[in-house]
Protein backbone atom coordinates (compact mmCIF):
# COMPACT_ATOMS: atom_id res chain seq x y z
CA MET A 1 120.26 38.81 127.97
CA ASN A 2 123.10 40.92 126.06
CA THR A 3 127.14 40.49 127.44
CA LEU A 4 126.87 44.11 129.29
CA GLU A 5 123.61 42.78 131.28
CA ALA A 6 125.62 39.32 131.68
CA SER A 7 128.55 40.92 133.18
CA GLN A 8 126.61 43.68 135.40
CA PRO A 9 126.60 41.68 138.28
CA LYS A 10 130.31 40.85 138.30
CA SER A 11 130.95 44.41 137.83
CA PHE A 12 129.02 45.18 140.82
CA PHE A 13 130.88 42.57 143.17
CA ILE A 14 134.44 44.04 141.94
CA SER A 15 133.17 47.64 142.67
CA GLN A 16 131.51 46.67 146.17
CA ALA A 17 134.99 45.14 147.12
CA LEU A 18 136.88 48.04 145.77
CA ARG A 19 134.98 50.31 147.99
CA ASP A 20 134.80 48.03 151.17
CA VAL A 21 137.62 49.79 153.14
CA GLN A 22 137.68 47.03 155.70
CA LEU A 23 138.90 44.74 152.89
CA SER A 24 142.56 44.30 153.20
CA ASN A 25 143.07 43.06 149.77
CA ARG A 26 144.83 44.88 147.31
CA ALA A 27 144.12 42.58 144.34
CA PHE A 28 140.78 41.33 143.00
CA LEU A 29 140.53 38.41 140.89
CA GLN A 30 137.77 37.67 138.37
CA VAL A 31 138.01 34.42 136.54
CA GLU A 32 136.16 32.78 133.60
CA LEU A 33 135.34 35.52 131.61
CA THR A 34 134.97 36.30 127.86
CA GLU A 35 136.74 39.12 126.36
CA GLU A 36 133.19 40.76 125.90
CA GLN A 37 132.52 40.39 129.55
CA GLN A 38 135.82 41.71 130.72
CA GLU A 39 135.56 44.61 128.66
CA ALA A 40 132.20 45.51 129.87
CA ILE A 41 133.47 45.45 133.32
CA CYS A 42 136.55 47.40 132.83
CA LYS A 43 134.41 49.83 131.56
CA SER A 44 132.00 50.13 134.53
CA LEU A 45 134.95 50.12 136.56
CA LEU A 46 136.80 53.10 135.00
CA GLU A 47 132.99 54.90 134.90
CA GLU A 48 132.65 54.50 138.68
CA HIS A 49 136.10 54.78 140.04
CA GLN A 50 137.78 57.95 139.14
CA VAL A 51 141.54 56.80 140.44
CA ALA A 52 141.04 53.80 138.36
CA ILE A 53 143.43 53.41 135.22
CA GLN A 54 143.02 50.69 132.68
CA ILE A 55 146.20 48.67 131.36
CA ASP A 56 145.75 46.86 128.11
CA GLU A 57 149.19 45.49 127.72
CA VAL A 58 152.20 44.78 129.84
CA LYS A 59 155.17 44.31 127.80
CA SER A 60 157.90 43.01 130.11
CA PRO A 61 158.38 42.91 133.94
CA LYS A 62 160.39 46.23 134.16
CA HIS A 63 157.10 47.82 132.26
CA LEU A 64 155.18 46.18 135.12
CA PHE A 65 157.24 47.72 137.57
CA LYS A 66 156.80 51.10 136.14
CA ILE A 67 153.05 50.65 135.76
CA LEU A 68 152.81 50.03 139.32
CA GLN A 69 155.22 52.78 140.62
CA ASN A 70 154.00 55.67 138.54
CA HIS A 71 150.15 54.32 139.62
CA GLN A 72 150.89 53.41 143.13
CA GLU A 73 147.99 55.07 144.69
CA ASN A 74 144.99 54.02 142.02
CA ILE A 75 142.95 51.20 141.34
CA ILE A 76 145.02 49.67 138.08
CA VAL A 77 142.60 47.34 136.22
CA PHE A 78 144.55 45.09 134.24
CA ASN A 79 142.61 44.48 130.97
CA CYS A 80 145.04 41.56 129.97
CA ASP A 81 145.49 38.18 131.22
CA LEU A 82 148.51 39.38 133.10
CA LEU A 83 148.60 35.69 135.10
CA LYS A 84 149.51 33.88 131.92
CA LYS A 85 152.97 35.92 131.72
CA ARG A 86 156.30 34.38 132.71
CA ARG A 87 157.04 33.83 136.68
CA GLU A 88 159.70 37.02 136.47
CA TYR A 89 156.12 39.14 136.03
CA MET A 90 154.59 37.36 138.99
CA VAL A 91 157.49 38.18 141.22
CA VAL A 92 156.85 41.98 140.33
CA LEU A 93 153.03 41.54 140.85
CA GLU A 94 153.50 39.89 144.36
CA GLY A 95 154.94 43.05 145.70
CA ALA A 96 151.47 44.67 144.60
CA VAL A 97 149.55 41.80 145.84
CA CYS A 98 150.76 39.97 148.71
CA ALA A 99 151.46 40.46 152.25
CA ASN A 100 152.75 38.22 155.10
CA PRO A 101 150.20 36.05 156.37
CA TYR A 102 151.10 36.30 160.08
CA THR A 103 152.03 40.26 160.41
CA ALA A 104 149.83 41.35 157.57
CA GLU A 105 152.77 43.76 156.39
CA ASN A 106 152.56 44.21 152.57
CA TRP A 107 155.41 43.05 150.67
CA LYS A 108 157.35 45.74 148.47
CA VAL A 109 157.10 45.97 144.73
CA SER A 110 160.80 45.05 143.79
CA TYR A 111 162.76 44.75 140.19
CA ASP A 112 166.37 45.22 139.57
CA GLY A 113 167.35 46.50 143.04
CA GLU A 114 164.50 49.11 143.12
CA SER A 115 161.45 48.82 145.57
CA PHE A 116 158.72 50.61 146.87
CA ASP A 117 155.55 50.48 148.90
CA PHE A 118 152.34 49.61 146.53
CA ASN A 119 148.93 51.44 148.06
CA GLY A 120 146.82 50.88 145.49
CA ARG A 121 144.84 48.19 144.09
CA VAL A 122 144.99 45.91 141.55
CA VAL A 123 142.00 44.16 139.43
CA LEU A 124 143.17 40.93 137.46
CA PHE A 125 141.05 38.77 135.21
CA SER A 126 141.74 35.31 133.54
CA PRO A 127 139.36 33.27 131.21
CA LEU A 128 140.91 30.20 133.42
CA ASN A 129 138.85 28.85 136.09
CA LEU A 130 139.98 29.00 140.02
CA GLN A 131 141.30 25.15 139.88
CA LYS A 132 143.47 25.66 137.11
CA LEU A 133 144.99 29.05 138.52
CA ASN A 134 145.42 27.31 142.02
CA ARG A 135 147.54 24.52 140.36
CA ALA A 136 149.74 27.00 138.83
CA GLU A 137 152.73 26.88 141.21
CA LYS A 138 153.76 30.60 140.12
CA LEU A 139 150.75 32.01 141.30
CA TYR A 140 150.59 30.34 144.82
CA PHE A 141 151.44 33.72 146.61
CA ILE A 142 148.78 35.86 144.14
CA MET A 143 146.03 33.33 144.64
CA ARG A 144 146.65 33.26 148.19
CA ASP A 145 146.36 36.95 148.68
CA SER A 146 144.00 38.03 145.86
CA TYR A 147 140.42 38.64 146.94
CA ARG A 148 138.41 36.22 144.16
CA ILE A 149 135.10 37.13 142.94
């Protein structure tokens, strides 16, 4: 079985979740992927969803803020392991991912005194397993509010 065939079911589940308008989650997390699987899933998502864009590199928390701000109605597919970045990145990402668990009100994306409401969706990948990601204190809110596939 080639890598594309092995990753197609993963891509199917992400696409299905993105189409499900009843899902309130704004972030979708796929773990334990090889680079080849991740590439195949990214390609599939971009072909299937016209509003999807791929981001291969995030250079700074400010750069992440600008990406989210410029594409706040899109599906942003981060083709990099954003979750390995420093806590400052996670604070920005939390605004695009998280909501108040009691009121379901979405958080705002904030950086350096600026903020906005993010209305898009985020797809994240990590080669790590859920157990390792759940243990990372800096990822607490992201792991709490992401739809894990």
